[in-house]
Amino acid sequence: MGLSELLRRVAETLEGLGLPYFITGSMAAIYFGDPRLTNDIDIVTALPLEKVGTLCGAFPAPEFYVSEESARSAVSRRGQFNVIHTFSGLKVDLIVVPDTPFNRSRFARARPIPVEPGFAPPFSSPEDLILKKMDSYREGGSEKHLRDIAGVLRVSTEKIDRCYIAEWAGRLGLTEIWEQISVRADDRR
């Protein structure tokens, strides 16, 4: 099973359960920015506790590994859990987010992106991807987040709503990071 097949399998399962979702992380950064290698898929969803068993059951062993206990914990604490394709080692991080104004905005702004013929799952908007990458950078300091942001700004610059980013950066306490990134991006033009 390849990455796009795994993505389709998870997307169809989420859609079949009527769950909102969108792709974010490295796959979205690759689409909106620079190509790079990845072996995982980050998917944001609003998973209710009552659908955990059905979701986990859609990925049976031995082809898949998913811990229903971890999934229930992720729903309770608004965290993440994995679905791993055991034969290939590819994994999906399912990120269960709280109902906040920012997350509602992220779901509303997600847009379908054609991954392959007949399959266009929703992806994070580039602005929301940048905001979450800035938040991840603030939390862990990993330069990969800054590289992804730089790639998105370089490749998709005409599509980027900088006012939206500035507004949410202020609301999320990311203004200083956004200002530094903006200066660097403007210097490279």
N, C-alpha and C. Protein backbone atom coordinates (compact mmCIF):
# COMPACT_ATOMS: atom_id res chain seq x y z
N MET A 1 0.85 -1.18 0.00
CA MET A 1 0.00 0.00 0.00
C MET A 1 0.90 1.24 0.00
N GLY A 2 0.62 2.17 -0.89
CA GLY A 2 1.36 3.42 -0.95
C GLY A 2 0.67 4.51 -0.13
N LEU A 3 1.34 5.64 -0.04
CA LEU A 3 0.82 6.75 0.76
C LEU A 3 -0.54 7.22 0.26
N SER A 4 -0.71 7.35 -1.05
CA SER A 4 -2.00 7.84 -1.57
C SER A 4 -3.11 6.81 -1.35
N GLU A 5 -2.77 5.52 -1.42
CA GLU A 5 -3.77 4.49 -1.14
C GLU A 5 -4.21 4.54 0.33
N LEU A 6 -3.23 4.72 1.22
CA LEU A 6 -3.55 4.82 2.65
C LEU A 6 -4.40 6.06 2.92
N LEU A 7 -4.03 7.15 2.31
CA LEU A 7 -4.82 8.38 2.46
C LEU A 7 -6.25 8.15 2.00
N ARG A 8 -6.42 7.53 0.85
CA ARG A 8 -7.78 7.27 0.34
C ARG A 8 -8.56 6.39 1.30
N ARG A 9 -7.92 5.35 1.81
CA ARG A 9 -8.61 4.42 2.73
C ARG A 9 -9.09 5.16 3.97
N VAL A 10 -8.23 5.99 4.57
CA VAL A 10 -8.61 6.72 5.77
C VAL A 10 -9.68 7.77 5.45
N ALA A 11 -9.50 8.49 4.35
CA ALA A 11 -10.46 9.52 3.96
C ALA A 11 -11.84 8.92 3.72
N GLU A 12 -11.90 7.81 3.01
CA GLU A 12 -13.19 7.17 2.75
C GLU A 12 -13.83 6.68 4.03
N THR A 13 -13.02 6.21 4.97
CA THR A 13 -13.55 5.77 6.26
C THR A 13 -14.14 6.95 7.03
N LEU A 14 -13.39 8.05 7.09
CA LEU A 14 -13.89 9.24 7.80
C LEU A 14 -15.16 9.77 7.14
N GLU A 15 -15.17 9.82 5.81
CA GLU A 15 -16.36 10.29 5.10
C GLU A 15 -17.54 9.36 5.34
N GLY A 16 -17.29 8.04 5.34
CA GLY A 16 -18.35 7.07 5.60
C GLY A 16 -18.96 7.22 6.99
N LEU A 17 -18.16 7.68 7.93
CA LEU A 17 -18.65 7.92 9.30
C LEU A 17 -19.23 9.32 9.46
N GLY A 18 -19.20 10.11 8.40
CA GLY A 18 -19.73 11.48 8.45
C GLY A 18 -18.89 12.42 9.30
N LEU A 19 -17.59 12.16 9.38
CA LEU A 19 -16.71 12.97 10.22
C LEU A 19 -16.00 14.04 9.39
N PRO A 20 -16.02 15.28 9.85
CA PRO A 20 -15.24 16.31 9.16
C PRO A 20 -13.75 16.04 9.37
N TYR A 21 -12.96 16.36 8.34
CA TYR A 21 -11.52 16.15 8.43
C TYR A 21 -10.83 17.01 7.38
N PHE A 22 -9.54 17.18 7.55
CA PHE A 22 -8.69 17.75 6.51
C PHE A 22 -7.26 17.32 6.72
N ILE A 23 -6.51 17.30 5.62
CA ILE A 23 -5.10 16.92 5.66
C ILE A 23 -4.27 18.16 5.97
N THR A 24 -3.28 17.97 6.81
CA THR A 24 -2.39 19.07 7.20
C THR A 24 -0.96 18.53 7.25
N GLY A 25 -0.08 19.21 7.94
CA GLY A 25 1.27 18.72 8.15
C GLY A 25 2.10 18.65 6.88
N SER A 26 2.96 17.65 6.80
CA SER A 26 3.93 17.57 5.70
C SER A 26 3.26 17.40 4.35
N MET A 27 2.17 16.64 4.26
CA MET A 27 1.51 16.48 2.96
C MET A 27 0.99 17.81 2.44
N ALA A 28 0.39 18.62 3.32
CA ALA A 28 -0.09 19.93 2.90
C ALA A 28 1.08 20.85 2.57
N ALA A 29 2.15 20.76 3.36
CA ALA A 29 3.34 21.59 3.10
C ALA A 29 3.95 21.24 1.75
N ILE A 30 3.92 19.98 1.38
CA ILE A 30 4.44 19.55 0.08
C ILE A 30 3.55 20.11 -1.04
N TYR A 31 2.25 20.06 -0.86
CA TYR A 31 1.35 20.56 -1.89
C TYR A 31 1.51 22.07 -2.11
N PHE A 32 1.54 22.82 -1.01
CA PHE A 32 1.60 24.28 -1.11
C PHE A 32 3.02 24.83 -1.19
N GLY A 33 4.01 23.99 -0.89
CA GLY A 33 5.39 24.47 -0.83
C GLY A 33 6.35 23.60 -1.59
N ASP A 34 7.46 23.29 -0.95
CA ASP A 34 8.54 22.53 -1.58
C ASP A 34 8.35 21.03 -1.39
N PRO A 35 8.69 20.24 -2.41
CA PRO A 35 8.62 18.79 -2.25
C PRO A 35 9.66 18.29 -1.24
N ARG A 36 9.29 17.29 -0.50
CA ARG A 36 10.21 16.62 0.41
C ARG A 36 9.65 15.25 0.72
N LEU A 37 10.46 14.40 1.31
CA LEU A 37 10.00 13.05 1.63
C LEU A 37 9.18 13.06 2.91
N THR A 38 8.18 12.19 2.93
CA THR A 38 7.41 11.98 4.14
C THR A 38 6.86 10.56 4.09
N ASN A 39 6.68 9.96 5.24
CA ASN A 39 6.06 8.63 5.28
C ASN A 39 4.88 8.61 6.24
N ASP A 40 4.35 9.80 6.50
CA ASP A 40 3.16 9.84 7.33
C ASP A 40 2.19 10.90 6.80
N ILE A 41 0.97 10.79 7.27
CA ILE A 41 -0.11 11.69 6.88
C ILE A 41 -0.71 12.23 8.16
N ASP A 42 -0.84 13.56 8.25
CA ASP A 42 -1.48 14.18 9.40
C ASP A 42 -2.89 14.60 8.99
N ILE A 43 -3.87 14.10 9.72
CA ILE A 43 -5.26 14.41 9.43
C ILE A 43 -5.92 14.94 10.70
N VAL A 44 -6.51 16.11 10.58
CA VAL A 44 -7.27 16.71 11.67
C VAL A 44 -8.72 16.26 11.53
N THR A 45 -9.33 15.88 12.64
CA THR A 45 -10.73 15.45 12.60
C THR A 45 -11.44 15.85 13.89
N ALA A 46 -12.75 15.83 13.81
CA ALA A 46 -13.59 16.04 14.99
C ALA A 46 -14.25 14.69 15.28
N LEU A 47 -13.56 13.84 16.00
CA LEU A 47 -14.00 12.47 16.26
C LEU A 47 -14.71 12.39 17.60
N PRO A 48 -16.00 12.03 17.59
CA PRO A 48 -16.69 11.84 18.86
C PRO A 48 -16.39 10.44 19.44
N LEU A 49 -16.46 10.33 20.73
CA LEU A 49 -16.15 9.09 21.43
C LEU A 49 -16.98 7.91 20.91
N GLU A 50 -18.24 8.16 20.59
CA GLU A 50 -19.12 7.06 20.18
C GLU A 50 -18.76 6.47 18.81
N LYS A 51 -17.89 7.11 18.05
CA LYS A 51 -17.50 6.57 16.74
C LYS A 51 -16.09 5.96 16.74
N VAL A 52 -15.44 5.96 17.89
CA VAL A 52 -14.07 5.45 17.97
C VAL A 52 -14.02 3.97 17.61
N GLY A 53 -14.89 3.17 18.17
CA GLY A 53 -14.88 1.73 17.92
C GLY A 53 -15.08 1.40 16.45
N THR A 54 -16.02 2.08 15.81
CA THR A 54 -16.29 1.85 14.39
C THR A 54 -15.09 2.27 13.54
N LEU A 55 -14.51 3.43 13.87
CA LEU A 55 -13.33 3.89 13.13
C LEU A 55 -12.19 2.90 13.26
N CYS A 56 -11.88 2.49 14.47
CA CYS A 56 -10.78 1.55 14.69
C CYS A 56 -11.06 0.21 14.01
N GLY A 57 -12.30 -0.23 14.03
CA GLY A 57 -12.67 -1.50 13.39
C GLY A 57 -12.51 -1.49 11.88
N ALA A 58 -12.44 -0.31 11.28
CA ALA A 58 -12.26 -0.20 9.83
C ALA A 58 -10.82 -0.49 9.41
N PHE A 59 -9.92 -0.63 10.39
CA PHE A 59 -8.52 -0.88 10.13
C PHE A 59 -8.07 -2.13 10.88
N PRO A 60 -8.48 -3.31 10.39
CA PRO A 60 -8.24 -4.55 11.14
C PRO A 60 -6.79 -5.05 11.05
N ALA A 61 -6.39 -5.75 12.12
CA ALA A 61 -5.11 -6.45 12.13
C ALA A 61 -5.26 -7.67 11.22
N PRO A 62 -4.22 -8.18 10.66
CA PRO A 62 -2.82 -7.78 10.82
C PRO A 62 -2.39 -6.68 9.84
N GLU A 63 -3.28 -6.30 8.91
CA GLU A 63 -2.87 -5.29 7.92
C GLU A 63 -2.60 -3.94 8.58
N PHE A 64 -3.36 -3.63 9.63
CA PHE A 64 -3.22 -2.35 10.31
C PHE A 64 -3.00 -2.54 11.79
N TYR A 65 -2.39 -1.53 12.39
CA TYR A 65 -2.32 -1.46 13.84
C TYR A 65 -2.94 -0.13 14.25
N VAL A 66 -3.93 -0.22 15.12
CA VAL A 66 -4.52 0.97 15.73
C VAL A 66 -4.99 0.55 17.12
N SER A 67 -4.69 1.37 18.09
CA SER A 67 -5.08 1.07 19.47
C SER A 67 -6.37 1.83 19.80
N GLU A 68 -7.42 1.07 20.05
CA GLU A 68 -8.68 1.72 20.41
C GLU A 68 -8.53 2.50 21.72
N GLU A 69 -7.74 1.97 22.63
CA GLU A 69 -7.49 2.68 23.89
C GLU A 69 -6.81 4.03 23.63
N SER A 70 -5.81 4.04 22.76
CA SER A 70 -5.14 5.31 22.41
C SER A 70 -6.09 6.27 21.71
N ALA A 71 -6.95 5.73 20.87
CA ALA A 71 -7.93 6.57 20.17
C ALA A 71 -8.90 7.20 21.17
N ARG A 72 -9.38 6.41 22.11
CA ARG A 72 -10.30 6.95 23.12
C ARG A 72 -9.61 8.02 23.98
N SER A 73 -8.37 7.76 24.32
CA SER A 73 -7.60 8.74 25.09
C SER A 73 -7.42 10.03 24.28
N ALA A 74 -7.12 9.91 22.98
CA ALA A 74 -6.95 11.09 22.13
C ALA A 74 -8.23 11.91 22.06
N VAL A 75 -9.36 11.24 21.98
CA VAL A 75 -10.64 11.97 21.95
C VAL A 75 -10.85 12.69 23.28
N SER A 76 -10.59 12.01 24.37
CA SER A 76 -10.79 12.60 25.70
C SER A 76 -9.89 13.79 25.97
N ARG A 77 -8.63 13.70 25.56
CA ARG A 77 -7.68 14.76 25.88
C ARG A 77 -7.44 15.70 24.71
N ARG A 78 -8.12 15.45 23.57
CA ARG A 78 -7.93 16.24 22.35
C ARG A 78 -6.47 16.17 21.91
N GLY A 79 -6.07 14.95 21.62
CA GLY A 79 -4.70 14.69 21.19
C GLY A 79 -4.70 13.94 19.88
N GLN A 80 -3.73 13.05 19.72
CA GLN A 80 -3.66 12.30 18.47
C GLN A 80 -3.38 10.83 18.74
N PHE A 81 -3.70 10.03 17.72
CA PHE A 81 -3.39 8.61 17.75
C PHE A 81 -3.04 8.18 16.33
N ASN A 82 -2.49 6.98 16.19
CA ASN A 82 -1.98 6.52 14.89
C ASN A 82 -2.78 5.37 14.33
N VAL A 83 -2.85 5.35 13.01
CA VAL A 83 -3.26 4.19 12.25
C VAL A 83 -2.03 3.83 11.42
N ILE A 84 -1.51 2.62 11.63
CA ILE A 84 -0.28 2.21 10.98
C ILE A 84 -0.57 1.04 10.04
N HIS A 85 -0.11 1.18 8.80
CA HIS A 85 -0.19 0.07 7.86
C HIS A 85 1.03 -0.80 8.14
N THR A 86 0.80 -1.95 8.73
CA THR A 86 1.90 -2.75 9.26
C THR A 86 2.84 -3.29 8.18
N PHE A 87 2.33 -3.55 6.99
CA PHE A 87 3.17 -4.15 5.95
C PHE A 87 4.12 -3.13 5.31
N SER A 88 3.73 -1.87 5.29
CA SER A 88 4.58 -0.84 4.66
C SER A 88 5.27 0.06 5.69
N GLY A 89 4.71 0.12 6.90
CA GLY A 89 5.24 1.02 7.93
C GLY A 89 4.70 2.44 7.80
N LEU A 90 3.85 2.70 6.81
CA LEU A 90 3.26 4.03 6.65
C LEU A 90 2.24 4.27 7.75
N LYS A 91 2.14 5.54 8.16
CA LYS A 91 1.19 5.81 9.25
C LYS A 91 0.42 7.09 9.01
N VAL A 92 -0.73 7.11 9.65
CA VAL A 92 -1.59 8.29 9.67
C VAL A 92 -1.69 8.74 11.12
N ASP A 93 -1.42 10.02 11.36
CA ASP A 93 -1.65 10.61 12.66
C ASP A 93 -3.03 11.28 12.59
N LEU A 94 -3.97 10.76 13.35
CA LEU A 94 -5.30 11.36 13.44
C LEU A 94 -5.29 12.30 14.64
N ILE A 95 -5.48 13.57 14.36
CA ILE A 95 -5.39 14.62 15.38
C ILE A 95 -6.80 15.08 15.71
N VAL A 96 -7.21 14.85 16.94
CA VAL A 96 -8.56 15.20 17.38
C VAL A 96 -8.47 16.58 18.05
N VAL A 97 -9.12 17.55 17.44
CA VAL A 97 -8.97 18.93 17.92
C VAL A 97 -10.19 19.38 18.72
N PRO A 98 -9.98 20.30 19.65
CA PRO A 98 -11.10 20.86 20.41
C PRO A 98 -11.91 21.82 19.54
N ASP A 99 -13.13 22.05 19.95
CA ASP A 99 -14.00 23.00 19.26
C ASP A 99 -13.64 24.41 19.72
N THR A 100 -12.81 25.09 18.94
CA THR A 100 -12.40 26.46 19.24
C THR A 100 -12.69 27.32 18.02
N PRO A 101 -12.71 28.64 18.18
CA PRO A 101 -12.92 29.49 16.99
C PRO A 101 -11.87 29.24 15.91
N PHE A 102 -10.61 29.06 16.30
CA PHE A 102 -9.58 28.81 15.30
C PHE A 102 -9.81 27.50 14.56
N ASN A 103 -10.13 26.44 15.29
CA ASN A 103 -10.36 25.15 14.63
C ASN A 103 -11.61 25.19 13.76
N ARG A 104 -12.64 25.90 14.17
CA ARG A 104 -13.82 26.06 13.31
C ARG A 104 -13.42 26.77 12.02
N SER A 105 -12.57 27.77 12.13
CA SER A 105 -12.10 28.49 10.95
C SER A 105 -11.29 27.55 10.05
N ARG A 106 -10.45 26.74 10.65
CA ARG A 106 -9.63 25.80 9.87
C ARG A 106 -10.51 24.83 9.08
N PHE A 107 -11.54 24.27 9.73
CA PHE A 107 -12.44 23.35 9.02
C PHE A 107 -13.17 24.08 7.89
N ALA A 108 -13.63 25.30 8.16
CA ALA A 108 -14.38 26.06 7.16
C ALA A 108 -13.51 26.42 5.95
N ARG A 109 -12.23 26.63 6.17
CA ARG A 109 -11.33 27.07 5.10
C ARG A 109 -10.64 25.91 4.36
N ALA A 110 -10.81 24.69 4.84
CA ALA A 110 -10.21 23.54 4.15
C ALA A 110 -10.78 23.47 2.74
N ARG A 111 -9.93 23.04 1.80
CA ARG A 111 -10.35 23.00 0.40
C ARG A 111 -9.94 21.68 -0.24
N PRO A 112 -10.79 21.18 -1.16
CA PRO A 112 -10.43 19.92 -1.83
C PRO A 112 -9.24 20.11 -2.76
N ILE A 113 -8.32 19.17 -2.71
CA ILE A 113 -7.13 19.18 -3.55
C ILE A 113 -7.08 17.82 -4.28
N PRO A 114 -7.00 17.85 -5.61
CA PRO A 114 -6.93 16.57 -6.32
C PRO A 114 -5.59 15.86 -6.08
N VAL A 115 -5.68 14.71 -5.45
CA VAL A 115 -4.50 13.90 -5.16
C VAL A 115 -4.25 12.92 -6.30
N GLU A 116 -5.32 12.41 -6.83
CA GLU A 116 -5.27 11.52 -7.99
C GLU A 116 -6.63 11.61 -8.67
N PRO A 117 -6.77 11.10 -9.89
CA PRO A 117 -8.06 11.22 -10.59
C PRO A 117 -9.21 10.66 -9.75
N GLY A 118 -10.24 11.48 -9.59
CA GLY A 118 -11.43 11.06 -8.85
C GLY A 118 -11.29 11.12 -7.34
N PHE A 119 -10.21 11.67 -6.84
CA PHE A 119 -10.00 11.73 -5.39
C PHE A 119 -9.41 13.08 -5.01
N ALA A 120 -10.24 13.90 -4.34
CA ALA A 120 -9.82 15.25 -3.94
C ALA A 120 -10.23 15.50 -2.49
N PRO A 121 -9.46 14.97 -1.53
CA PRO A 121 -9.80 15.17 -0.12
C PRO A 121 -9.51 16.62 0.30
N PRO A 122 -10.13 17.06 1.40
CA PRO A 122 -9.88 18.43 1.87
C PRO A 122 -8.51 18.57 2.52
N PHE A 123 -7.84 19.66 2.16
CA PHE A 123 -6.54 20.02 2.73
C PHE A 123 -6.69 21.30 3.52
N SER A 124 -5.86 21.46 4.52
CA SER A 124 -5.76 22.72 5.25
C SER A 124 -5.50 23.84 4.26
N SER A 125 -6.01 25.04 4.55
CA SER A 125 -5.63 26.19 3.73
C SER A 125 -4.15 26.47 3.99
N PRO A 126 -3.46 27.10 3.05
CA PRO A 126 -2.04 27.39 3.29
C PRO A 126 -1.84 28.33 4.48
N GLU A 127 -2.77 29.25 4.70
CA GLU A 127 -2.66 30.17 5.84
C GLU A 127 -2.74 29.42 7.17
N ASP A 128 -3.71 28.50 7.27
CA ASP A 128 -3.85 27.74 8.51
C ASP A 128 -2.67 26.80 8.71
N LEU A 129 -2.15 26.27 7.62
CA LEU A 129 -0.94 25.44 7.71
C LEU A 129 0.22 26.26 8.28
N ILE A 130 0.39 27.47 7.78
CA ILE A 130 1.46 28.34 8.27
C ILE A 130 1.26 28.64 9.75
N LEU A 131 0.03 28.95 10.14
CA LEU A 131 -0.24 29.24 11.56
C LEU A 131 0.08 28.05 12.45
N LYS A 132 -0.33 26.86 12.05
CA LYS A 132 -0.04 25.67 12.86
C LYS A 132 1.45 25.34 12.87
N LYS A 133 2.13 25.56 11.75
CA LYS A 133 3.58 25.35 11.72
C LYS A 133 4.28 26.34 12.65
N MET A 134 3.80 27.58 12.69
CA MET A 134 4.39 28.56 13.63
C MET A 134 4.15 28.12 15.06
N ASP A 135 2.96 27.62 15.35
CA ASP A 135 2.64 27.15 16.69
C ASP A 135 3.52 25.97 17.06
N SER A 136 3.72 25.04 16.12
CA SER A 136 4.59 23.89 16.38
C SER A 136 6.04 24.34 16.58
N TYR A 137 6.47 25.32 15.81
CA TYR A 137 7.82 25.86 15.99
C TYR A 137 7.97 26.46 17.39
N ARG A 138 6.96 27.22 17.82
CA ARG A 138 7.00 27.83 19.15
C ARG A 138 7.10 26.75 20.23
N GLU A 139 6.37 25.65 20.05
CA GLU A 139 6.35 24.58 21.05
C GLU A 139 7.65 23.78 21.08
N GLY A 140 8.22 23.48 19.89
CA GLY A 140 9.36 22.58 19.88
C GLY A 140 10.64 23.13 19.29
N GLY A 141 10.56 24.26 18.58
CA GLY A 141 11.74 24.88 18.03
C GLY A 141 12.33 24.20 16.81
N SER A 142 11.63 23.22 16.21
CA SER A 142 12.19 22.51 15.06
C SER A 142 12.24 23.41 13.82
N GLU A 143 13.41 23.47 13.23
CA GLU A 143 13.62 24.28 12.03
C GLU A 143 12.83 23.77 10.84
N LYS A 144 12.41 22.49 10.85
CA LYS A 144 11.66 21.96 9.70
C LYS A 144 10.36 22.73 9.51
N HIS A 145 9.78 23.21 10.60
CA HIS A 145 8.54 24.00 10.49
C HIS A 145 8.81 25.32 9.77
N LEU A 146 9.94 25.95 10.09
CA LEU A 146 10.30 27.20 9.42
C LEU A 146 10.61 26.96 7.94
N ARG A 147 11.28 25.83 7.64
CA ARG A 147 11.55 25.49 6.23
C ARG A 147 10.25 25.27 5.47
N ASP A 148 9.30 24.57 6.10
CA ASP A 148 8.01 24.34 5.44
C ASP A 148 7.29 25.66 5.20
N ILE A 149 7.30 26.55 6.19
CA ILE A 149 6.65 27.86 6.04
C ILE A 149 7.31 28.64 4.91
N ALA A 150 8.64 28.65 4.88
CA ALA A 150 9.37 29.37 3.82
C ALA A 150 9.00 28.81 2.45
N GLY A 151 8.89 27.50 2.35
CA GLY A 151 8.51 26.88 1.08
C GLY A 151 7.11 27.27 0.65
N VAL A 152 6.18 27.28 1.58
CA VAL A 152 4.80 27.67 1.25
C VAL A 152 4.76 29.13 0.82
N LEU A 153 5.46 29.98 1.54
CA LEU A 153 5.47 31.41 1.17
C LEU A 153 6.14 31.63 -0.19
N ARG A 154 7.15 30.86 -0.50
CA ARG A 154 7.85 31.02 -1.77
C ARG A 154 7.00 30.50 -2.93
N VAL A 155 6.42 29.32 -2.79
CA VAL A 155 5.69 28.68 -3.89
C VAL A 155 4.28 29.24 -4.05
N SER A 156 3.60 29.49 -2.96
CA SER A 156 2.18 29.89 -3.01
C SER A 156 1.96 31.34 -2.63
N THR A 157 2.96 32.17 -2.73
CA THR A 157 2.90 33.53 -2.19
C THR A 157 1.70 34.33 -2.67
N GLU A 158 1.34 34.22 -3.96
CA GLU A 158 0.21 35.00 -4.47
C GLU A 158 -1.13 34.51 -3.96
N LYS A 159 -1.17 33.30 -3.42
CA LYS A 159 -2.41 32.73 -2.88
C LYS A 159 -2.58 33.00 -1.39
N ILE A 160 -1.56 33.53 -0.74
CA ILE A 160 -1.55 33.65 0.71
C ILE A 160 -2.26 34.93 1.15
N ASP A 161 -3.21 34.77 2.08
CA ASP A 161 -3.91 35.91 2.68
C ASP A 161 -3.14 36.29 3.95
N ARG A 162 -2.22 37.22 3.79
CA ARG A 162 -1.36 37.62 4.91
C ARG A 162 -2.15 38.34 6.02
N CYS A 163 -3.24 38.99 5.66
CA CYS A 163 -4.06 39.65 6.69
C CYS A 163 -4.70 38.61 7.62
N TYR A 164 -5.17 37.53 7.03
CA TYR A 164 -5.74 36.44 7.83
C TYR A 164 -4.69 35.89 8.79
N ILE A 165 -3.48 35.65 8.26
CA ILE A 165 -2.41 35.11 9.11
C ILE A 165 -2.09 36.10 10.24
N ALA A 166 -1.96 37.37 9.90
CA ALA A 166 -1.62 38.38 10.92
C ALA A 166 -2.69 38.45 12.00
N GLU A 167 -3.96 38.39 11.58
CA GLU A 167 -5.05 38.45 12.56
C GLU A 167 -5.00 37.25 13.52
N TRP A 168 -4.89 36.04 12.96
CA TRP A 168 -4.86 34.86 13.81
C TRP A 168 -3.55 34.74 14.58
N ALA A 169 -2.46 35.21 14.01
CA ALA A 169 -1.19 35.21 14.74
C ALA A 169 -1.34 36.03 16.01
N GLY A 170 -2.02 37.16 15.90
CA GLY A 170 -2.26 37.99 17.08
C GLY A 170 -3.12 37.28 18.11
N ARG A 171 -4.18 36.64 17.64
CA ARG A 171 -5.09 35.95 18.55
C ARG A 171 -4.46 34.72 19.21
N LEU A 172 -3.48 34.12 18.51
CA LEU A 172 -2.84 32.90 19.01
C LEU A 172 -1.50 33.16 19.69
N GLY A 173 -1.12 34.44 19.80
CA GLY A 173 0.16 34.76 20.44
C GLY A 173 1.36 34.44 19.57
N LEU A 174 1.20 34.52 18.26
CA LEU A 174 2.27 34.17 17.33
C LEU A 174 2.79 35.38 16.54
N THR A 175 2.39 36.58 16.94
CA THR A 175 2.74 37.77 16.16
C THR A 175 4.24 37.94 15.98
N GLU A 176 5.01 37.75 17.03
CA GLU A 176 6.46 37.94 16.93
C GLU A 176 7.08 36.97 15.91
N ILE A 177 6.65 35.71 15.96
CA ILE A 177 7.18 34.72 15.02
C ILE A 177 6.75 35.09 13.60
N TRP A 178 5.49 35.49 13.42
CA TRP A 178 5.01 35.85 12.09
C TRP A 178 5.78 37.05 11.53
N GLU A 179 6.04 38.03 12.37
CA GLU A 179 6.78 39.21 11.91
C GLU A 179 8.19 38.82 11.47
N GLN A 180 8.85 37.95 12.21
CA GLN A 180 10.19 37.51 11.83
C GLN A 180 10.17 36.73 10.50
N ILE A 181 9.18 35.87 10.35
CA ILE A 181 9.05 35.09 9.12
C ILE A 181 8.74 36.01 7.93
N SER A 182 7.87 36.97 8.14
CA SER A 182 7.50 37.91 7.07
C SER A 182 8.70 38.71 6.59
N VAL A 183 9.51 39.18 7.53
CA VAL A 183 10.70 39.95 7.17
C VAL A 183 11.64 39.09 6.33
N ARG A 184 11.89 37.84 6.78
CA ARG A 184 12.76 36.93 6.02
C ARG A 184 12.21 36.66 4.63
N ALA A 185 10.89 36.43 4.55
CA ALA A 185 10.27 36.14 3.24
C ALA A 185 10.36 37.35 2.32
N ASP A 186 10.14 38.55 2.85
CA ASP A 186 10.22 39.76 2.04
C ASP A 186 11.65 40.02 1.57
N ASP A 187 12.63 39.70 2.42
CA ASP A 187 14.05 39.88 2.05
C ASP A 187 14.46 38.97 0.90
N ARG A 188 13.79 37.82 0.78
CA ARG A 188 14.16 36.83 -0.25
C ARG A 188 13.54 37.14 -1.60
N ARG A 189 12.61 38.05 -1.65
CA ARG A 189 11.95 38.39 -2.93
C ARG A 189 12.83 39.20 -3.82
